């Protein structure tokens, strides 16, 4: 099975918004993001002392993703991480279970990892799956964790 098929499996029936298979080095093996690599760019970040002030900050998604996995969800820049230029806030990071639960505006994401690869998927509470149910955390978490376990059992 190609890596793209794993992404298709995660997002089957419209159950999830975005998905990716990402090496623990931050390289994308497959995704439906429309990008071949986690990018670097300027991000708008509210000033910590004055939230009305917006600062332009250089952000490297790949470096922050790798750093966060090695440092209990701390990306080095803020509480959470950006993936596909979407800001996710850390809800729970469990290094023993190799899982990370994230929240975003009107949705969230889950990341679970094996020895060499991480599985990422996000959901949006504004999108309905083919069965009419709203995309949700429970389905996202189950699909991501099951996929990561399968990849770990397969030697990845």
C-alpha atoms as a PDB file:
ATOM      1  CA  UNK A   1       0.000   0.000   0.000  1.00  0.00           C
ATOM      2  CA  UNK A   2       1.323   3.460  -0.839  1.00  0.00           C
ATOM      3  CA  UNK A   3       1.621   6.104   1.863  1.00  0.00           C
ATOM      4  CA  UNK A   4      -1.123   8.079   0.089  1.00  0.00           C
ATOM      5  CA  UNK A   5      -3.469   5.154   0.709  1.00  0.00           C
ATOM      6  CA  UNK A   6      -2.896   5.511   4.462  1.00  0.00           C
ATOM      7  CA  UNK A   7      -3.942   9.171   4.251  1.00  0.00           C
ATOM      8  CA  UNK A   8      -7.000   8.177   2.218  1.00  0.00           C
ATOM      9  CA  UNK A   9      -7.853   5.580   4.849  1.00  0.00           C
ATOM     10  CA  UNK A  10      -7.664   8.203   7.610  1.00  0.00           C
ATOM     11  CA  UNK A  11      -9.929  10.650   5.768  1.00  0.00           C
ATOM     12  CA  UNK A  12     -12.317   8.025   4.324  1.00  0.00           C
ATOM     13  CA  UNK A  13     -15.995   8.984   4.225  1.00  0.00           C
ATOM     14  CA  UNK A  14     -15.154  12.595   5.062  1.00  0.00           C
ATOM     15  CA  UNK A  15     -14.567  11.655   8.708  1.00  0.00           C
ATOM     16  CA  UNK A  16     -11.490  13.894   9.000  1.00  0.00           C
ATOM     17  CA  UNK A  17     -10.413  17.195   7.491  1.00  0.00           C
ATOM     18  CA  UNK A  18      -6.643  16.788   7.000  1.00  0.00           C
ATOM     19  CA  UNK A  19      -4.258  13.888   7.488  1.00  0.00           C
ATOM     20  CA  UNK A  20      -0.595  13.208   7.049  1.00  0.00           C
ATOM     21  CA  UNK A  21       2.068  10.607   7.572  1.00  0.00           C
ATOM     22  CA  UNK A  22       5.119  12.530   8.764  1.00  0.00           C
ATOM     23  CA  UNK A  23       8.555  11.138   9.542  1.00  0.00           C
ATOM     24  CA  UNK A  24       9.862  11.888  13.016  1.00  0.00           C
ATOM     25  CA  UNK A  25      12.429  14.053  11.203  1.00  0.00           C
ATOM     26  CA  UNK A  26       9.556  16.293  10.059  1.00  0.00           C
ATOM     27  CA  UNK A  27       9.527  15.147   6.427  1.00  0.00           C
ATOM     28  CA  UNK A  28       6.062  14.517   4.973  1.00  0.00           C
ATOM     29  CA  UNK A  29       5.706  11.001   3.592  1.00  0.00           C
ATOM     30  CA  UNK A  30       2.127  11.610   2.430  1.00  0.00           C
ATOM     31  CA  UNK A  31      -0.644  14.110   3.151  1.00  0.00           C
ATOM     32  CA  UNK A  32      -3.717  15.783   1.757  1.00  0.00           C
ATOM     33  CA  UNK A  33      -2.357  19.235   2.755  1.00  0.00           C
ATOM     34  CA  UNK A  34      -1.352  20.157  -0.778  1.00  0.00           C
ATOM     35  CA  UNK A  35       2.272  20.745   0.260  1.00  0.00           C
ATOM     36  CA  UNK A  36       5.259  18.419  -0.024  1.00  0.00           C
ATOM     37  CA  UNK A  37       6.982  19.698   3.135  1.00  0.00           C
ATOM     38  CA  UNK A  38       6.116  21.421   6.385  1.00  0.00           C
ATOM     39  CA  UNK A  39       6.915  25.031   5.409  1.00  0.00           C
ATOM     40  CA  UNK A  40       8.623  28.062   6.907  1.00  0.00           C
ATOM     41  CA  UNK A  41       6.833  31.429   6.775  1.00  0.00           C
ATOM     42  CA  UNK A  42       5.949  34.607   8.658  1.00  0.00           C
ATOM     43  CA  UNK A  43       3.092  34.087  11.129  1.00  0.00           C
ATOM     44  CA  UNK A  44       0.978  36.702  12.872  1.00  0.00           C
ATOM     45  CA  UNK A  45       1.244  36.252  16.653  1.00  0.00           C
ATOM     46  CA  UNK A  46      -0.456  38.421  19.300  1.00  0.00           C
ATOM     47  CA  UNK A  47       1.988  40.192  21.606  1.00  0.00           C
ATOM     48  CA  UNK A  48       2.104  38.532  25.058  1.00  0.00           C
ATOM     49  CA  UNK A  49       1.972  41.852  26.928  1.00  0.00           C
ATOM     50  CA  UNK A  50      -0.476  43.608  24.622  1.00  0.00           C
ATOM     51  CA  UNK A  51      -2.858  41.225  22.797  1.00  0.00           C
ATOM     52  CA  UNK A  52      -4.072  44.071  20.575  1.00  0.00           C
ATOM     53  CA  UNK A  53      -0.614  44.214  18.956  1.00  0.00           C
ATOM     54  CA  UNK A  54       0.112  41.611  16.275  1.00  0.00           C
ATOM     55  CA  UNK A  55       3.753  40.712  15.624  1.00  0.00           C
ATOM     56  CA  UNK A  56       5.169  39.051  12.529  1.00  0.00           C
ATOM     57  CA  UNK A  57       7.229  36.040  13.640  1.00  0.00           C
ATOM     58  CA  UNK A  58       9.287  33.657  11.517  1.00  0.00           C
ATOM     59  CA  UNK A  59       7.900  30.134  11.931  1.00  0.00           C
ATOM     60  CA  UNK A  60       9.371  26.841  10.741  1.00  0.00           C
ATOM     61  CA  UNK A  61       6.678  24.140  10.940  1.00  0.00           C
ATOM     62  CA  UNK A  62       9.118  21.287  10.374  1.00  0.00           C
ATOM     63  CA  UNK A  63      11.569  22.353  13.098  1.00  0.00           C
ATOM     64  CA  UNK A  64       8.754  23.138  15.565  1.00  0.00           C
ATOM     65  CA  UNK A  65       7.068  19.762  14.909  1.00  0.00           C
ATOM     66  CA  UNK A  66      10.295  17.817  15.523  1.00  0.00           C
ATOM     67  CA  UNK A  67      11.138  19.909  18.602  1.00  0.00           C
ATOM     68  CA  UNK A  68       7.640  19.455  20.051  1.00  0.00           C
ATOM     69  CA  UNK A  69       7.714  15.664  19.703  1.00  0.00           C
ATOM     70  CA  UNK A  70      11.037  15.566  21.555  1.00  0.00           C
ATOM     71  CA  UNK A  71       9.994  18.105  24.242  1.00  0.00           C
ATOM     72  CA  UNK A  72       6.547  17.027  25.479  1.00  0.00           C
ATOM     73  CA  UNK A  73       4.567  19.182  23.069  1.00  0.00           C
ATOM     74  CA  UNK A  74       6.627  22.341  23.525  1.00  0.00           C
ATOM     75  CA  UNK A  75       7.389  23.582  20.020  1.00  0.00           C
ATOM     76  CA  UNK A  76       9.884  26.158  21.290  1.00  0.00           C
ATOM     77  CA  UNK A  77       7.704  29.052  20.129  1.00  0.00           C
ATOM     78  CA  UNK A  78       4.353  28.697  21.875  1.00  0.00           C
ATOM     79  CA  UNK A  79       2.028  26.203  23.550  1.00  0.00           C
ATOM     80  CA  UNK A  80       1.158  24.022  20.594  1.00  0.00           C
ATOM     81  CA  UNK A  81       2.246  23.773  17.004  1.00  0.00           C
ATOM     82  CA  UNK A  82       1.329  24.921  13.499  1.00  0.00           C
ATOM     83  CA  UNK A  83       0.650  22.342  10.816  1.00  0.00           C
ATOM     84  CA  UNK A  84      -0.379  23.388   7.314  1.00  0.00           C
ATOM     85  CA  UNK A  85      -0.362  27.014   8.605  1.00  0.00           C
ATOM     86  CA  UNK A  86      -3.078  26.146  11.132  1.00  0.00           C
ATOM     87  CA  UNK A  87      -2.427  26.900  14.814  1.00  0.00           C
ATOM     88  CA  UNK A  88      -3.125  24.021  17.201  1.00  0.00           C
ATOM     89  CA  UNK A  89      -2.997  24.387  20.987  1.00  0.00           C
ATOM     90  CA  UNK A  90      -1.749  21.528  23.097  1.00  0.00           C
ATOM     91  CA  UNK A  91      -4.438  19.843  25.201  1.00  0.00           C
ATOM     92  CA  UNK A  92      -2.605  16.718  26.335  1.00  0.00           C
ATOM     93  CA  UNK A  93       0.798  15.278  25.477  1.00  0.00           C
ATOM     94  CA  UNK A  94       1.516  11.704  26.603  1.00  0.00           C
ATOM     95  CA  UNK A  95       5.058  10.578  25.769  1.00  0.00           C
ATOM     96  CA  UNK A  96       4.460   7.081  27.191  1.00  0.00           C
ATOM     97  CA  UNK A  97       1.359   6.500  25.054  1.00  0.00           C
ATOM     98  CA  UNK A  98       3.031   8.378  22.158  1.00  0.00           C
ATOM     99  CA  UNK A  99      -0.027  10.551  21.618  1.00  0.00           C
ATOM    100  CA  UNK A 100      -0.695  14.275  21.474  1.00  0.00           C
ATOM    101  CA  UNK A 101      -4.138  15.862  21.487  1.00  0.00           C
ATOM    102  CA  UNK A 102      -4.579  19.342  20.048  1.00  0.00           C
ATOM    103  CA  UNK A 103      -7.322  21.966  19.829  1.00  0.00           C
ATOM    104  CA  UNK A 104      -7.975  24.625  17.204  1.00  0.00           C
ATOM    105  CA  UNK A 105     -10.797  27.045  16.555  1.00  0.00           C
ATOM    106  CA  UNK A 106     -13.899  24.885  15.987  1.00  0.00           C
ATOM    107  CA  UNK A 107     -11.967  21.631  15.875  1.00  0.00           C
ATOM    108  CA  UNK A 108      -8.800  19.852  16.825  1.00  0.00           C
ATOM    109  CA  UNK A 109      -6.254  17.223  15.918  1.00  0.00           C
ATOM    110  CA  UNK A 110      -4.427  14.165  17.127  1.00  0.00           C
ATOM    111  CA  UNK A 111      -0.844  13.072  16.560  1.00  0.00           C
ATOM    112  CA  UNK A 112       0.381   9.595  17.452  1.00  0.00           C
ATOM    113  CA  UNK A 113       3.759   8.174  16.592  1.00  0.00           C
ATOM    114  CA  UNK A 114       5.680   4.954  16.230  1.00  0.00           C
ATOM    115  CA  UNK A 115       9.446   4.389  15.912  1.00  0.00           C
ATOM    116  CA  UNK A 116      10.064   6.368  12.711  1.00  0.00           C
ATOM    117  CA  UNK A 117       6.770   7.995  11.750  1.00  0.00           C
ATOM    118  CA  UNK A 118       3.968  10.159  13.142  1.00  0.00           C
ATOM    119  CA  UNK A 119       0.331  10.057  12.102  1.00  0.00           C
ATOM    120  CA  UNK A 120      -1.503  13.397  12.084  1.00  0.00           C
ATOM    121  CA  UNK A 121      -5.161  14.116  11.447  1.00  0.00           C
ATOM    122  CA  UNK A 122      -7.449  17.053  12.139  1.00  0.00           C
ATOM    123  CA  UNK A 123     -11.190  17.529  12.344  1.00  0.00           C
ATOM    124  CA  UNK A 124     -13.472  20.524  11.978  1.00  0.00           C
ATOM    125  CA  UNK A 125     -16.758  20.837  13.819  1.00  0.00           C
ATOM    126  CA  UNK A 126     -18.049  22.819  10.825  1.00  0.00           C
ATOM    127  CA  UNK A 127     -17.730  19.844   8.437  1.00  0.00           C
ATOM    128  CA  UNK A 128     -20.050  16.857   8.278  1.00  0.00           C
ATOM    129  CA  UNK A 129     -18.855  13.392   7.316  1.00  0.00           C
ATOM    130  CA  UNK A 130     -20.704  11.455   4.614  1.00  0.00           C
ATOM    131  CA  UNK A 131     -22.951   9.897   7.271  1.00  0.00           C
ATOM    132  CA  UNK A 132     -24.141  13.387   8.270  1.00  0.00           C
ATOM    133  CA  UNK A 133     -22.379  13.383  11.650  1.00  0.00           C
ATOM    134  CA  UNK A 134     -20.098  16.283  12.483  1.00  0.00           C
ATOM    135  CA  UNK A 135     -16.375  15.529  12.383  1.00  0.00           C
ATOM    136  CA  UNK A 136     -15.271  14.974  15.973  1.00  0.00           C
ATOM    137  CA  UNK A 137     -12.377  14.318  18.339  1.00  0.00           C
ATOM    138  CA  UNK A 138     -13.383  10.744  19.204  1.00  0.00           C
ATOM    139  CA  UNK A 139     -13.270   9.566  15.583  1.00  0.00           C
ATOM    140  CA  UNK A 140     -10.084  11.516  14.884  1.00  0.00           C
ATOM    141  CA  UNK A 141      -8.283  10.108  17.929  1.00  0.00           C
ATOM    142  CA  UNK A 142      -9.374   6.527  17.211  1.00  0.00           C
ATOM    143  CA  UNK A 143      -8.285   6.609  13.571  1.00  0.00           C
ATOM    144  CA  UNK A 144      -4.917   8.223  14.322  1.00  0.00           C
ATOM    145  CA  UNK A 145      -4.039   5.972  17.257  1.00  0.00           C
ATOM    146  CA  UNK A 146      -5.124   2.811  15.418  1.00  0.00           C
ATOM    147  CA  UNK A 147      -3.045   3.806  12.375  1.00  0.00           C
ATOM    148  CA  UNK A 148       0.035   4.594  14.501  1.00  0.00           C
ATOM    149  CA  UNK A 149      -0.308   1.236  16.294  1.00  0.00           C
ATOM    150  CA  UNK A 150      -0.588  -0.567  12.961  1.00  0.00           C
ATOM    151  CA  UNK A 151       2.514   1.210  11.622  1.00  0.00           C
ATOM    152  CA  UNK A 152       4.444   0.456  14.836  1.00  0.00           C
ATOM    153  CA  UNK A 153       3.460  -3.223  14.588  1.00  0.00           C
ATOM    154  CA  UNK A 154       4.638  -3.152  10.949  1.00  0.00           C
ATOM    155  CA  UNK A 155       8.083  -1.948  11.962  1.00  0.00           C
ATOM    156  CA  UNK A 156       7.681   1.766  11.367  1.00  0.00           C
END
